[in-house]
Amino acid sequence: MKNAGLRVVELLIRSTLPRSEGSNSAVQEISVEELSEQLQQHPSQILLFDVREEKEYVVSHIQGAVRLSPEIKSEEFRRVLGRTAPEKKIVFYCSVGKRSGDAVCRLERAAKESGAEAVFNLTGGIFRWHNSSLPVVNEQGVVRSVHPFNRFWQMFVDG
């Protein structure tokens, strides 16, 4: 039931995201299965950004993810990227995909100008990742929970 509800949310998010800045194309998405496979096979080719609030990130996040403010501006994002973007795939995620989809729309141009190969939104966010039994971590190591964001969104998280 939770995954069925999450699929509906994913479709709603996909339909409401604006087009990428400076483009008429929709936000590119990557599934948790594709991301997991790519992280296993080519981890150095992926830059992973968590655009949830600090209190959410502290509970758990995908290993290797760097937390960014959900409101980060292009100029600051370019500074964060520095020289790390060339020929990399950049993946943004949040709880379910709305905040990260917005970040992709706002930051894709900066990422590509910094040399990124592609920019993706993680379909279903960390909720889909966690519900697919993929690992999440915090300072203590692997954990079995994610921050539910609020009581409404908690219904979409297994566990």
N, C-alpha and C. Protein backbone atom coordinates (compact mmCIF):
# COMPACT_ATOMS: atom_id res chain seq x y z
N MET A 1 0.82 -1.20 0.00
CA MET A 1 0.00 0.00 0.00
C MET A 1 0.87 1.27 0.00
N LYS A 2 1.92 1.27 0.84
CA LYS A 2 2.77 2.45 0.91
C LYS A 2 3.42 2.73 -0.43
N ASN A 3 3.90 1.69 -1.11
CA ASN A 3 4.55 1.90 -2.39
C ASN A 3 3.56 2.32 -3.46
N ALA A 4 2.33 1.83 -3.39
CA ALA A 4 1.31 2.27 -4.35
C ALA A 4 1.01 3.75 -4.16
N GLY A 5 0.88 4.17 -2.92
CA GLY A 5 0.67 5.59 -2.62
C GLY A 5 1.84 6.44 -3.06
N LEU A 6 3.04 5.92 -2.85
CA LEU A 6 4.24 6.65 -3.25
C LEU A 6 4.30 6.79 -4.77
N ARG A 7 3.87 5.76 -5.50
CA ARG A 7 3.83 5.86 -6.96
C ARG A 7 2.90 6.99 -7.42
N VAL A 8 1.76 7.13 -6.76
CA VAL A 8 0.83 8.22 -7.09
C VAL A 8 1.50 9.57 -6.83
N VAL A 9 2.16 9.69 -5.70
CA VAL A 9 2.87 10.93 -5.37
C VAL A 9 3.94 11.22 -6.42
N GLU A 10 4.68 10.21 -6.84
CA GLU A 10 5.72 10.40 -7.85
C GLU A 10 5.12 10.93 -9.16
N LEU A 11 3.99 10.38 -9.55
CA LEU A 11 3.33 10.85 -10.78
C LEU A 11 2.86 12.30 -10.64
N LEU A 12 2.31 12.63 -9.48
CA LEU A 12 1.87 14.01 -9.24
C LEU A 12 3.05 14.97 -9.27
N ILE A 13 4.14 14.60 -8.64
CA ILE A 13 5.33 15.45 -8.63
C ILE A 13 5.83 15.65 -10.05
N ARG A 14 5.94 14.56 -10.79
CA ARG A 14 6.43 14.62 -12.17
C ARG A 14 5.58 15.59 -12.99
N SER A 15 4.27 15.59 -12.78
CA SER A 15 3.38 16.44 -13.57
C SER A 15 3.42 17.91 -13.16
N THR A 16 3.93 18.19 -11.97
CA THR A 16 3.93 19.58 -11.50
C THR A 16 5.29 20.27 -11.59
N LEU A 17 6.34 19.51 -11.88
CA LEU A 17 7.66 20.14 -11.95
C LEU A 17 7.75 21.05 -13.16
N PRO A 18 8.34 22.22 -12.98
CA PRO A 18 8.56 23.10 -14.12
C PRO A 18 9.63 22.51 -15.02
N ARG A 19 9.75 23.06 -16.19
CA ARG A 19 10.81 22.64 -17.11
C ARG A 19 12.14 23.12 -16.57
N SER A 20 13.20 22.41 -16.94
CA SER A 20 14.54 22.80 -16.52
C SER A 20 14.84 24.21 -17.01
N GLU A 21 15.57 24.98 -16.21
CA GLU A 21 15.91 26.36 -16.54
C GLU A 21 16.67 26.41 -17.87
N GLY A 22 16.20 27.25 -18.77
CA GLY A 22 16.86 27.40 -20.05
C GLY A 22 16.61 26.25 -21.01
N SER A 23 15.58 25.44 -20.72
CA SER A 23 15.31 24.28 -21.55
C SER A 23 13.81 24.03 -21.61
N ASN A 24 13.38 23.40 -22.67
CA ASN A 24 11.98 23.00 -22.76
C ASN A 24 11.78 21.55 -22.37
N SER A 25 12.85 20.91 -21.92
CA SER A 25 12.75 19.50 -21.57
C SER A 25 12.36 19.31 -20.11
N ALA A 26 11.73 18.18 -19.86
CA ALA A 26 11.35 17.84 -18.50
C ALA A 26 12.59 17.42 -17.72
N VAL A 27 12.46 17.43 -16.42
CA VAL A 27 13.53 16.99 -15.55
C VAL A 27 13.82 15.52 -15.81
N GLN A 28 15.10 15.18 -16.00
CA GLN A 28 15.48 13.78 -16.16
C GLN A 28 15.40 13.09 -14.82
N GLU A 29 14.91 11.87 -14.82
CA GLU A 29 14.82 11.10 -13.59
C GLU A 29 15.67 9.84 -13.68
N ILE A 30 16.05 9.36 -12.52
CA ILE A 30 16.77 8.10 -12.40
C ILE A 30 16.07 7.30 -11.32
N SER A 31 15.88 6.01 -11.57
CA SER A 31 15.22 5.15 -10.59
C SER A 31 16.21 4.75 -9.50
N VAL A 32 15.68 4.30 -8.38
CA VAL A 32 16.56 3.84 -7.29
C VAL A 32 17.37 2.63 -7.74
N GLU A 33 16.78 1.79 -8.58
CA GLU A 33 17.50 0.62 -9.08
C GLU A 33 18.68 1.04 -9.95
N GLU A 34 18.43 1.98 -10.86
CA GLU A 34 19.51 2.46 -11.73
C GLU A 34 20.61 3.13 -10.92
N LEU A 35 20.21 3.98 -9.96
CA LEU A 35 21.21 4.67 -9.15
C LEU A 35 22.02 3.69 -8.33
N SER A 36 21.36 2.74 -7.70
CA SER A 36 22.06 1.74 -6.90
C SER A 36 23.08 0.99 -7.74
N GLU A 37 22.68 0.58 -8.93
CA GLU A 37 23.58 -0.14 -9.83
C GLU A 37 24.78 0.73 -10.22
N GLN A 38 24.50 1.98 -10.57
CA GLN A 38 25.59 2.88 -10.98
C GLN A 38 26.53 3.18 -9.82
N LEU A 39 25.99 3.31 -8.62
CA LEU A 39 26.84 3.56 -7.45
C LEU A 39 27.73 2.35 -7.15
N GLN A 40 27.23 1.16 -7.42
CA GLN A 40 28.03 -0.05 -7.21
C GLN A 40 29.10 -0.19 -8.29
N GLN A 41 28.74 0.10 -9.53
CA GLN A 41 29.67 -0.12 -10.64
C GLN A 41 30.64 1.03 -10.88
N HIS A 42 30.16 2.27 -10.74
CA HIS A 42 30.98 3.44 -11.06
C HIS A 42 30.76 4.56 -10.03
N PRO A 43 31.07 4.31 -8.77
CA PRO A 43 30.77 5.32 -7.74
C PRO A 43 31.45 6.67 -7.97
N SER A 44 32.62 6.66 -8.58
CA SER A 44 33.33 7.93 -8.79
C SER A 44 32.71 8.77 -9.89
N GLN A 45 31.77 8.21 -10.63
CA GLN A 45 31.13 8.95 -11.72
C GLN A 45 29.84 9.63 -11.29
N ILE A 46 29.45 9.49 -10.01
CA ILE A 46 28.19 10.04 -9.51
C ILE A 46 28.48 11.07 -8.42
N LEU A 47 27.85 12.24 -8.55
CA LEU A 47 27.83 13.22 -7.46
C LEU A 47 26.40 13.24 -6.94
N LEU A 48 26.24 12.94 -5.66
CA LEU A 48 24.93 12.77 -5.05
C LEU A 48 24.66 13.90 -4.07
N PHE A 49 23.53 14.60 -4.26
CA PHE A 49 23.19 15.74 -3.41
C PHE A 49 21.82 15.54 -2.76
N ASP A 50 21.80 15.66 -1.45
CA ASP A 50 20.59 15.56 -0.63
C ASP A 50 20.12 16.98 -0.36
N VAL A 51 18.92 17.33 -0.81
CA VAL A 51 18.42 18.70 -0.63
C VAL A 51 17.30 18.76 0.40
N ARG A 52 17.40 17.90 1.41
CA ARG A 52 16.47 17.97 2.54
C ARG A 52 17.05 18.90 3.61
N GLU A 53 16.27 19.16 4.62
CA GLU A 53 16.74 19.98 5.74
C GLU A 53 17.78 19.20 6.55
N GLU A 54 18.61 19.92 7.26
CA GLU A 54 19.67 19.30 8.07
C GLU A 54 19.12 18.23 9.01
N LYS A 55 17.99 18.51 9.68
CA LYS A 55 17.44 17.54 10.65
C LYS A 55 17.02 16.25 9.96
N GLU A 56 16.63 16.31 8.70
CA GLU A 56 16.28 15.10 7.95
C GLU A 56 17.55 14.32 7.58
N TYR A 57 18.54 15.04 7.10
CA TYR A 57 19.81 14.45 6.68
C TYR A 57 20.51 13.74 7.83
N VAL A 58 20.47 14.33 9.02
CA VAL A 58 21.15 13.76 10.18
C VAL A 58 20.57 12.40 10.55
N VAL A 59 19.26 12.22 10.40
CA VAL A 59 18.64 10.94 10.72
C VAL A 59 19.20 9.85 9.81
N SER A 60 19.24 10.12 8.52
CA SER A 60 19.84 9.19 7.57
C SER A 60 19.90 9.82 6.19
N HIS A 61 20.78 9.28 5.37
CA HIS A 61 20.94 9.73 4.00
C HIS A 61 21.59 8.60 3.20
N ILE A 62 21.63 8.77 1.91
CA ILE A 62 22.30 7.78 1.07
C ILE A 62 23.80 8.01 1.20
N GLN A 63 24.53 6.91 1.39
CA GLN A 63 25.97 7.03 1.60
C GLN A 63 26.63 7.82 0.47
N GLY A 64 27.48 8.75 0.85
CA GLY A 64 28.21 9.57 -0.11
C GLY A 64 27.50 10.85 -0.50
N ALA A 65 26.26 11.02 -0.06
CA ALA A 65 25.51 12.22 -0.41
C ALA A 65 26.02 13.43 0.36
N VAL A 66 26.04 14.56 -0.33
CA VAL A 66 26.40 15.84 0.27
C VAL A 66 25.09 16.61 0.45
N ARG A 67 24.89 17.13 1.65
CA ARG A 67 23.66 17.89 1.89
C ARG A 67 23.81 19.31 1.40
N LEU A 68 22.79 19.76 0.69
CA LEU A 68 22.70 21.15 0.23
C LEU A 68 21.40 21.73 0.74
N SER A 69 21.39 23.01 0.98
CA SER A 69 20.14 23.67 1.33
C SER A 69 19.15 23.52 0.18
N PRO A 70 17.88 23.26 0.47
CA PRO A 70 16.89 23.17 -0.60
C PRO A 70 16.78 24.46 -1.42
N GLU A 71 17.22 25.57 -0.85
CA GLU A 71 17.13 26.86 -1.54
C GLU A 71 18.44 27.32 -2.15
N ILE A 72 19.43 26.44 -2.25
CA ILE A 72 20.74 26.84 -2.76
C ILE A 72 20.61 27.52 -4.12
N LYS A 73 21.37 28.57 -4.30
CA LYS A 73 21.37 29.33 -5.56
C LYS A 73 22.46 28.81 -6.49
N SER A 74 22.33 29.13 -7.76
CA SER A 74 23.27 28.65 -8.78
C SER A 74 24.72 29.02 -8.47
N GLU A 75 24.95 30.26 -8.03
CA GLU A 75 26.32 30.71 -7.78
C GLU A 75 26.96 29.88 -6.67
N GLU A 76 26.22 29.65 -5.59
CA GLU A 76 26.75 28.85 -4.49
C GLU A 76 26.95 27.40 -4.93
N PHE A 77 26.03 26.88 -5.72
CA PHE A 77 26.16 25.51 -6.21
C PHE A 77 27.42 25.36 -7.06
N ARG A 78 27.71 26.35 -7.89
CA ARG A 78 28.94 26.30 -8.69
C ARG A 78 30.17 26.21 -7.79
N ARG A 79 30.15 26.97 -6.67
CA ARG A 79 31.28 26.92 -5.73
C ARG A 79 31.38 25.54 -5.08
N VAL A 80 30.24 24.95 -4.74
CA VAL A 80 30.25 23.61 -4.14
C VAL A 80 30.83 22.60 -5.13
N LEU A 81 30.41 22.70 -6.38
CA LEU A 81 30.91 21.77 -7.40
C LEU A 81 32.40 21.93 -7.65
N GLY A 82 32.86 23.18 -7.63
CA GLY A 82 34.27 23.42 -7.94
C GLY A 82 34.65 22.77 -9.24
N ARG A 83 35.66 21.93 -9.20
CA ARG A 83 36.12 21.22 -10.41
C ARG A 83 35.74 19.76 -10.39
N THR A 84 34.74 19.40 -9.60
CA THR A 84 34.38 17.98 -9.47
C THR A 84 33.36 17.50 -10.50
N ALA A 85 32.71 18.40 -11.21
CA ALA A 85 31.59 18.02 -12.08
C ALA A 85 31.95 17.43 -13.44
N PRO A 86 33.07 17.79 -14.06
CA PRO A 86 33.29 17.31 -15.42
C PRO A 86 33.10 15.79 -15.57
N GLU A 87 32.26 15.47 -16.57
CA GLU A 87 31.96 14.10 -16.97
C GLU A 87 31.31 13.27 -15.88
N LYS A 88 30.69 13.91 -14.89
CA LYS A 88 30.00 13.19 -13.82
C LYS A 88 28.49 13.30 -14.03
N LYS A 89 27.79 12.34 -13.47
CA LYS A 89 26.34 12.40 -13.39
C LYS A 89 25.99 12.96 -12.02
N ILE A 90 25.14 13.97 -12.02
CA ILE A 90 24.73 14.59 -10.76
C ILE A 90 23.30 14.14 -10.47
N VAL A 91 23.10 13.66 -9.23
CA VAL A 91 21.78 13.19 -8.82
C VAL A 91 21.37 13.95 -7.57
N PHE A 92 20.19 14.55 -7.64
CA PHE A 92 19.59 15.23 -6.49
C PHE A 92 18.48 14.35 -5.93
N TYR A 93 18.34 14.35 -4.61
CA TYR A 93 17.19 13.67 -4.01
C TYR A 93 16.73 14.42 -2.77
N CYS A 94 15.47 14.17 -2.41
CA CYS A 94 14.89 14.66 -1.16
C CYS A 94 14.04 13.52 -0.61
N SER A 95 12.95 13.83 0.06
CA SER A 95 12.11 12.77 0.60
C SER A 95 11.39 11.99 -0.49
N VAL A 96 10.67 12.70 -1.36
CA VAL A 96 9.88 12.03 -2.40
C VAL A 96 10.17 12.53 -3.81
N GLY A 97 10.87 13.64 -3.96
CA GLY A 97 11.25 14.12 -5.28
C GLY A 97 10.84 15.52 -5.65
N LYS A 98 10.04 16.19 -4.84
CA LYS A 98 9.58 17.55 -5.18
C LYS A 98 10.70 18.57 -5.00
N ARG A 99 11.29 18.62 -3.82
CA ARG A 99 12.35 19.60 -3.57
C ARG A 99 13.55 19.36 -4.48
N SER A 100 13.89 18.08 -4.68
CA SER A 100 15.02 17.78 -5.55
C SER A 100 14.69 18.06 -7.01
N GLY A 101 13.46 17.83 -7.42
CA GLY A 101 13.05 18.19 -8.78
C GLY A 101 13.16 19.68 -9.01
N ASP A 102 12.74 20.45 -8.02
CA ASP A 102 12.87 21.90 -8.11
C ASP A 102 14.35 22.30 -8.20
N ALA A 103 15.20 21.61 -7.42
CA ALA A 103 16.64 21.90 -7.44
C ALA A 103 17.22 21.60 -8.82
N VAL A 104 16.81 20.49 -9.43
CA VAL A 104 17.28 20.16 -10.77
C VAL A 104 16.90 21.27 -11.73
N CYS A 105 15.65 21.70 -11.66
CA CYS A 105 15.18 22.77 -12.56
C CYS A 105 16.01 24.04 -12.39
N ARG A 106 16.34 24.36 -11.16
CA ARG A 106 17.05 25.60 -10.85
C ARG A 106 18.56 25.51 -11.12
N LEU A 107 19.14 24.30 -10.97
CA LEU A 107 20.60 24.17 -10.96
C LEU A 107 21.19 23.40 -12.14
N GLU A 108 20.34 22.86 -12.99
CA GLU A 108 20.85 22.04 -14.10
C GLU A 108 21.80 22.82 -15.00
N ARG A 109 21.45 24.04 -15.33
CA ARG A 109 22.32 24.84 -16.20
C ARG A 109 23.69 25.03 -15.57
N ALA A 110 23.73 25.37 -14.27
CA ALA A 110 25.02 25.56 -13.58
C ALA A 110 25.83 24.27 -13.59
N ALA A 111 25.16 23.14 -13.40
CA ALA A 111 25.85 21.85 -13.39
C ALA A 111 26.44 21.55 -14.75
N LYS A 112 25.66 21.76 -15.79
CA LYS A 112 26.15 21.46 -17.14
C LYS A 112 27.25 22.43 -17.56
N GLU A 113 27.14 23.70 -17.16
CA GLU A 113 28.20 24.66 -17.46
C GLU A 113 29.48 24.31 -16.71
N SER A 114 29.35 23.57 -15.60
CA SER A 114 30.51 23.12 -14.85
C SER A 114 31.07 21.80 -15.38
N GLY A 115 30.44 21.29 -16.45
CA GLY A 115 30.95 20.10 -17.10
C GLY A 115 30.22 18.81 -16.81
N ALA A 116 29.14 18.85 -16.04
CA ALA A 116 28.40 17.62 -15.72
C ALA A 116 27.88 16.96 -16.99
N GLU A 117 27.94 15.65 -17.01
CA GLU A 117 27.43 14.87 -18.14
C GLU A 117 25.91 14.91 -18.19
N ALA A 118 25.28 14.76 -17.01
CA ALA A 118 23.82 14.73 -16.93
C ALA A 118 23.41 15.08 -15.51
N VAL A 119 22.15 15.52 -15.36
CA VAL A 119 21.61 15.89 -14.06
C VAL A 119 20.28 15.18 -13.90
N PHE A 120 20.10 14.51 -12.76
CA PHE A 120 18.92 13.69 -12.53
C PHE A 120 18.24 14.02 -11.21
N ASN A 121 16.95 13.73 -11.17
CA ASN A 121 16.16 13.72 -9.95
C ASN A 121 15.91 12.26 -9.61
N LEU A 122 16.14 11.85 -8.38
CA LEU A 122 15.90 10.47 -7.96
C LEU A 122 14.40 10.26 -7.77
N THR A 123 13.82 9.41 -8.62
CA THR A 123 12.39 9.14 -8.56
C THR A 123 12.02 8.56 -7.19
N GLY A 124 11.08 9.21 -6.51
CA GLY A 124 10.62 8.72 -5.21
C GLY A 124 11.52 9.08 -4.06
N GLY A 125 12.66 9.69 -4.34
CA GLY A 125 13.56 10.16 -3.30
C GLY A 125 14.03 9.08 -2.34
N ILE A 126 14.42 9.53 -1.15
CA ILE A 126 14.95 8.60 -0.15
C ILE A 126 13.86 7.67 0.37
N PHE A 127 12.58 8.09 0.28
CA PHE A 127 11.51 7.17 0.69
C PHE A 127 11.50 5.94 -0.20
N ARG A 128 11.58 6.13 -1.52
CA ARG A 128 11.60 4.99 -2.46
C ARG A 128 12.87 4.16 -2.23
N TRP A 129 14.00 4.84 -2.04
CA TRP A 129 15.28 4.16 -1.78
C TRP A 129 15.15 3.25 -0.55
N HIS A 130 14.67 3.82 0.53
CA HIS A 130 14.50 3.08 1.79
C HIS A 130 13.48 1.96 1.64
N ASN A 131 12.35 2.23 1.00
CA ASN A 131 11.30 1.22 0.82
C ASN A 131 11.77 0.09 -0.09
N SER A 132 12.81 0.31 -0.87
CA SER A 132 13.38 -0.72 -1.73
C SER A 132 14.48 -1.50 -1.01
N SER A 133 14.58 -1.29 0.30
CA SER A 133 15.56 -1.98 1.16
C SER A 133 17.00 -1.68 0.79
N LEU A 134 17.23 -0.50 0.26
CA LEU A 134 18.60 -0.05 -0.02
C LEU A 134 19.11 0.69 1.22
N PRO A 135 20.41 0.65 1.48
CA PRO A 135 20.94 1.16 2.75
C PRO A 135 20.94 2.69 2.86
N VAL A 136 20.66 3.13 4.08
CA VAL A 136 20.82 4.53 4.44
C VAL A 136 21.76 4.58 5.64
N VAL A 137 22.45 5.70 5.77
CA VAL A 137 23.47 5.82 6.82
C VAL A 137 23.31 7.14 7.56
N ASN A 138 23.97 7.19 8.72
CA ASN A 138 24.18 8.45 9.43
C ASN A 138 25.58 8.36 10.04
N GLU A 139 25.89 9.21 11.00
CA GLU A 139 27.24 9.23 11.58
C GLU A 139 27.63 7.91 12.24
N GLN A 140 26.63 7.14 12.70
CA GLN A 140 26.91 5.87 13.36
C GLN A 140 27.06 4.70 12.38
N GLY A 141 26.74 4.90 11.12
CA GLY A 141 26.81 3.83 10.14
C GLY A 141 25.44 3.55 9.54
N VAL A 142 25.22 2.32 9.11
CA VAL A 142 23.95 1.94 8.48
C VAL A 142 22.84 1.97 9.53
N VAL A 143 21.72 2.57 9.15
CA VAL A 143 20.54 2.65 10.03
C VAL A 143 19.32 2.17 9.26
N ARG A 144 18.22 2.00 9.98
CA ARG A 144 17.01 1.45 9.36
C ARG A 144 15.85 2.42 9.32
N SER A 145 16.13 3.70 9.36
CA SER A 145 15.04 4.66 9.36
C SER A 145 15.39 5.89 8.54
N VAL A 146 14.35 6.58 8.10
CA VAL A 146 14.50 7.87 7.45
C VAL A 146 13.57 8.85 8.14
N HIS A 147 13.92 10.11 8.06
CA HIS A 147 13.08 11.15 8.63
C HIS A 147 11.81 11.24 7.78
N PRO A 148 10.63 11.17 8.39
CA PRO A 148 9.40 11.15 7.60
C PRO A 148 8.94 12.51 7.09
N PHE A 149 9.64 13.56 7.38
CA PHE A 149 9.31 14.93 7.01
C PHE A 149 8.19 15.46 7.90
N ASN A 150 7.03 14.84 7.89
CA ASN A 150 5.95 15.18 8.81
C ASN A 150 4.99 14.00 8.92
N ARG A 151 3.94 14.13 9.70
CA ARG A 151 3.03 13.00 9.94
C ARG A 151 2.33 12.53 8.67
N PHE A 152 1.99 13.44 7.77
CA PHE A 152 1.34 13.05 6.52
C PHE A 152 2.26 12.16 5.70
N TRP A 153 3.49 12.62 5.49
CA TRP A 153 4.43 11.90 4.62
C TRP A 153 4.90 10.60 5.25
N GLN A 154 4.76 10.47 6.54
CA GLN A 154 5.19 9.25 7.23
C GLN A 154 4.46 8.01 6.69
N MET A 155 3.25 8.19 6.18
CA MET A 155 2.51 7.04 5.68
C MET A 155 3.15 6.40 4.44
N PHE A 156 4.11 7.09 3.82
CA PHE A 156 4.75 6.56 2.62
C PHE A 156 6.09 5.89 2.91
N VAL A 157 6.47 5.82 4.19
CA VAL A 157 7.77 5.26 4.57
C VAL A 157 7.56 3.92 5.26
N ASP A 158 8.23 2.88 4.76
CA ASP A 158 8.19 1.58 5.41
C ASP A 158 8.96 1.63 6.72
N GLY A 159 8.48 0.89 7.68
CA GLY A 159 9.22 0.76 8.93
C GLY A 159 8.69 1.54 10.06
